[in-house]
Amino acid sequence: MKLKRITNSNNEEAQRLIALHSETFPEYERFQEIPLLANLIDNAQPMQFNGIYEDDELAGFFIYWDLEDSYYIHFIAVFPEMRNHKIGQKVLDWVSENLHHPVFLESEIPYNEITARRLNFYKRNGFKELANDPAILSDVREGGHPLWFMGTQEVDDLTPYLIKIRDGVYYATGE
């Protein structure tokens, strides 16, 4: 598995990945406007929009935010024909080997088999449940289900990290 940062939303690979984003995630989870995602790809320095390649074939994308003292995983998506090849696990292996500050993400509190599998996937790959739908984030998030705030390590005080995610990710993306 190889990651390649994409910084031009007009190239063919970016267009395929933007379409995958729209097809994969429910409306309440995804970027609400495709021009916003394209603008972030082209201009948002803290947002890392990466193509995932498996055997030199475009397999999906991985979006994370570099928040200086931490990272926030926003999305991982794999094309349907590339699923069940442990690509998501390989991405999280890359995360553990290359991102050396706390890494955070959100995962739905399980309400069906798919959401339970997703939560267990993150747990198997080193993420711990740190907070149940923290108000700092849930107050600005629209729609959807309650989320676990998860991380690769416990921190003494989550509040500064949550504020940085709210201000640097949620407000930047209009979520």
Protein backbone atom coordinates (compact mmCIF):
# COMPACT_ATOMS: atom_id res chain seq x y z
CA MET A 1 0.00 0.00 0.00
CA LYS A 2 1.25 3.47 -0.89
CA LEU A 3 -0.18 6.92 -0.12
CA LYS A 4 0.18 9.88 -2.47
CA ARG A 5 -0.94 13.37 -1.49
CA ILE A 6 -3.21 14.96 -4.07
CA THR A 7 -3.20 18.77 -4.21
CA ASN A 8 -4.98 19.38 -7.52
CA SER A 9 -8.71 18.69 -7.47
CA ASN A 10 -8.92 18.85 -11.26
CA ASN A 11 -6.81 15.81 -12.03
CA GLU A 12 -8.53 12.56 -13.01
CA GLU A 13 -7.61 10.68 -9.84
CA ALA A 14 -8.95 13.49 -7.63
CA GLN A 15 -12.21 13.52 -9.58
CA ARG A 16 -12.61 9.75 -9.13
CA LEU A 17 -11.94 10.08 -5.40
CA ILE A 18 -14.33 13.01 -4.99
CA ALA A 19 -17.03 10.86 -6.63
CA LEU A 20 -16.14 7.97 -4.27
CA HIS A 21 -16.58 10.35 -1.32
CA SER A 22 -20.10 11.24 -2.49
CA GLU A 23 -21.04 7.62 -3.13
CA THR A 24 -19.58 6.13 0.05
CA PHE A 25 -20.69 8.35 2.90
CA PRO A 26 -24.22 9.27 3.99
CA GLU A 27 -25.11 12.89 3.39
CA TYR A 28 -24.79 13.88 7.04
CA GLU A 29 -21.16 12.62 7.15
CA ARG A 30 -19.69 13.90 3.91
CA PHE A 31 -18.57 17.31 2.76
CA GLN A 32 -21.83 19.05 1.95
CA GLU A 33 -20.57 20.74 -1.17
CA ILE A 34 -18.20 19.22 -3.71
CA PRO A 35 -16.68 22.66 -4.50
CA LEU A 36 -15.73 22.91 -0.81
CA LEU A 37 -13.91 19.57 -0.95
CA ALA A 38 -12.17 20.61 -4.17
CA ASN A 39 -11.14 23.92 -2.58
CA LEU A 40 -9.76 22.10 0.47
CA ILE A 41 -7.78 19.73 -1.76
CA ASP A 42 -6.31 22.69 -3.63
CA ASN A 43 -5.73 25.06 -0.70
CA ALA A 44 -6.03 23.57 2.80
CA GLN A 45 -2.48 22.99 3.96
CA PRO A 46 -3.44 21.15 7.16
CA MET A 47 -5.74 18.78 5.24
CA GLN A 48 -3.90 15.85 3.71
CA PHE A 49 -5.96 14.39 0.85
CA ASN A 50 -4.20 11.16 -0.08
CA GLY A 51 -4.84 8.66 -2.80
CA ILE A 52 -4.40 5.09 -1.59
CA TYR A 53 -2.65 2.79 -4.05
CA GLU A 54 -2.52 -0.96 -3.88
CA ASP A 55 -0.14 -2.55 -6.39
CA ASP A 56 0.01 0.83 -8.20
CA GLU A 57 -3.77 0.83 -8.67
CA LEU A 58 -5.88 3.63 -7.19
CA ALA A 59 -7.78 1.92 -4.38
CA GLY A 60 -9.36 4.80 -2.43
CA PHE A 61 -8.55 7.84 -0.36
CA PHE A 62 -7.44 8.79 3.12
CA ILE A 63 -8.06 12.29 4.50
CA TYR A 64 -6.42 13.44 7.69
CA TRP A 65 -5.66 16.82 9.21
CA ASP A 66 -2.25 17.79 10.57
CA LEU A 67 -3.09 19.93 13.62
CA GLU A 68 0.57 20.37 14.67
CA ASP A 69 0.34 18.59 18.04
CA SER A 70 -2.16 15.96 16.89
CA TYR A 71 -3.85 14.48 13.84
CA TYR A 72 -7.50 14.00 12.99
CA ILE A 73 -8.56 11.20 10.65
CA HIS A 74 -11.52 12.50 8.70
CA PHE A 75 -12.22 9.83 6.07
CA ILE A 76 -10.96 6.53 4.75
CA ALA A 77 -12.76 5.09 1.73
CA VAL A 78 -11.96 2.24 -0.63
CA PHE A 79 -13.52 1.52 -4.01
CA PRO A 80 -15.99 -1.41 -3.72
CA GLU A 81 -13.92 -3.63 -6.02
CA MET A 82 -10.85 -3.09 -3.79
CA ARG A 83 -12.53 -3.87 -0.47
CA ASN A 84 -11.65 -6.93 1.62
CA HIS A 85 -7.94 -6.56 0.84
CA LYS A 86 -7.10 -5.11 4.27
CA ILE A 87 -6.39 -1.71 2.71
CA GLY A 88 -7.98 0.17 5.63
CA GLN A 89 -5.82 -1.78 8.05
CA LYS A 90 -2.73 -0.96 5.97
CA VAL A 91 -3.65 2.73 6.16
CA LEU A 92 -3.95 2.53 9.94
CA ASP A 93 -0.63 0.65 10.08
CA TRP A 94 0.87 3.58 8.14
CA VAL A 95 -0.71 5.96 10.67
CA SER A 96 0.87 4.16 13.63
CA GLU A 97 4.28 4.10 11.93
CA ASN A 98 4.31 7.69 10.62
CA LEU A 99 2.14 9.98 12.74
CA HIS A 100 3.91 10.51 16.04
CA HIS A 101 1.45 12.76 17.89
CA PRO A 102 -1.95 11.65 19.20
CA VAL A 103 -4.29 10.60 16.40
CA PHE A 104 -8.03 11.11 16.79
CA LEU A 105 -11.13 10.11 14.88
CA GLU A 106 -14.85 9.72 15.40
CA SER A 107 -16.87 6.56 14.92
CA GLU A 108 -20.59 6.10 15.29
CA ILE A 109 -21.77 4.54 18.51
CA PRO A 110 -23.00 1.21 17.13
CA TYR A 111 -26.65 0.94 16.17
CA ASN A 112 -26.35 -1.86 13.57
CA GLU A 113 -23.92 -4.52 12.39
CA ILE A 114 -21.96 -2.21 10.06
CA THR A 115 -21.37 0.46 12.70
CA ALA A 116 -20.40 -2.20 15.24
CA ARG A 117 -17.89 -3.68 12.79
CA ARG A 118 -16.45 -0.23 12.08
CA LEU A 119 -15.98 0.51 15.80
CA ASN A 120 -14.35 -2.88 16.38
CA PHE A 121 -12.08 -2.29 13.36
CA TYR A 122 -10.73 0.89 14.97
CA LYS A 123 -10.33 -0.84 18.33
CA ARG A 124 -8.40 -3.73 16.75
CA ASN A 125 -6.11 -1.16 15.17
CA GLY A 126 -5.15 0.60 18.38
CA PHE A 127 -7.84 3.23 18.90
CA LYS A 128 -9.49 3.69 22.29
CA GLU A 129 -12.83 5.26 23.14
CA LEU A 130 -11.98 8.57 24.81
CA ALA A 131 -15.33 10.39 24.98
CA ASN A 132 -18.96 9.76 24.18
CA ASP A 133 -20.09 12.43 21.66
CA PRO A 134 -18.23 15.38 23.24
CA ALA A 135 -20.38 18.53 23.29
CA ILE A 136 -17.60 20.70 21.82
CA LEU A 137 -17.95 18.73 18.59
CA SER A 138 -21.57 17.59 18.71
CA ASP A 139 -22.72 21.21 19.10
CA VAL A 140 -21.32 22.07 15.66
CA ARG A 141 -21.93 18.75 13.90
CA GLU A 142 -25.19 18.52 11.99
CA GLY A 143 -27.28 15.37 11.74
CA GLY A 144 -26.14 11.83 12.09
CA HIS A 145 -25.80 9.54 15.04
CA PRO A 146 -23.93 10.00 18.32
CA LEU A 147 -20.21 9.37 17.93
CA TRP A 148 -17.38 7.99 19.99
CA PHE A 149 -14.37 10.26 20.01
CA MET A 150 -11.45 7.88 19.75
CA GLY A 151 -7.69 8.20 19.89
CA THR A 152 -4.46 6.29 19.73
CA GLN A 153 -3.54 7.40 23.25
CA GLU A 154 -5.05 8.83 26.38
CA VAL A 155 -4.34 12.52 26.96
CA ASP A 156 -4.58 14.44 30.23
CA ASP A 157 -7.06 16.99 28.87
CA LEU A 158 -9.05 16.40 25.69
CA THR A 159 -10.50 19.92 25.59
CA PRO A 160 -7.64 21.67 23.74
CA TYR A 161 -7.60 18.90 21.12
CA LEU A 162 -11.38 19.03 20.69
CA ILE A 163 -11.27 22.82 20.28
CA LYS A 164 -8.52 22.52 17.68
CA ILE A 165 -10.56 19.91 15.76
CA ARG A 166 -13.70 22.02 16.01
CA ASP A 167 -11.97 25.19 14.85
CA GLY A 168 -9.51 23.69 12.37
CA VAL A 169 -11.66 20.96 10.83
CA TYR A 170 -15.35 21.48 11.52
CA TYR A 171 -15.39 25.23 10.91
CA ALA A 172 -13.07 24.87 7.89
CA THR A 173 -15.40 22.33 6.30
CA GLY A 174 -18.71 23.87 7.29
CA GLU A 175 -19.79 20.76 9.18
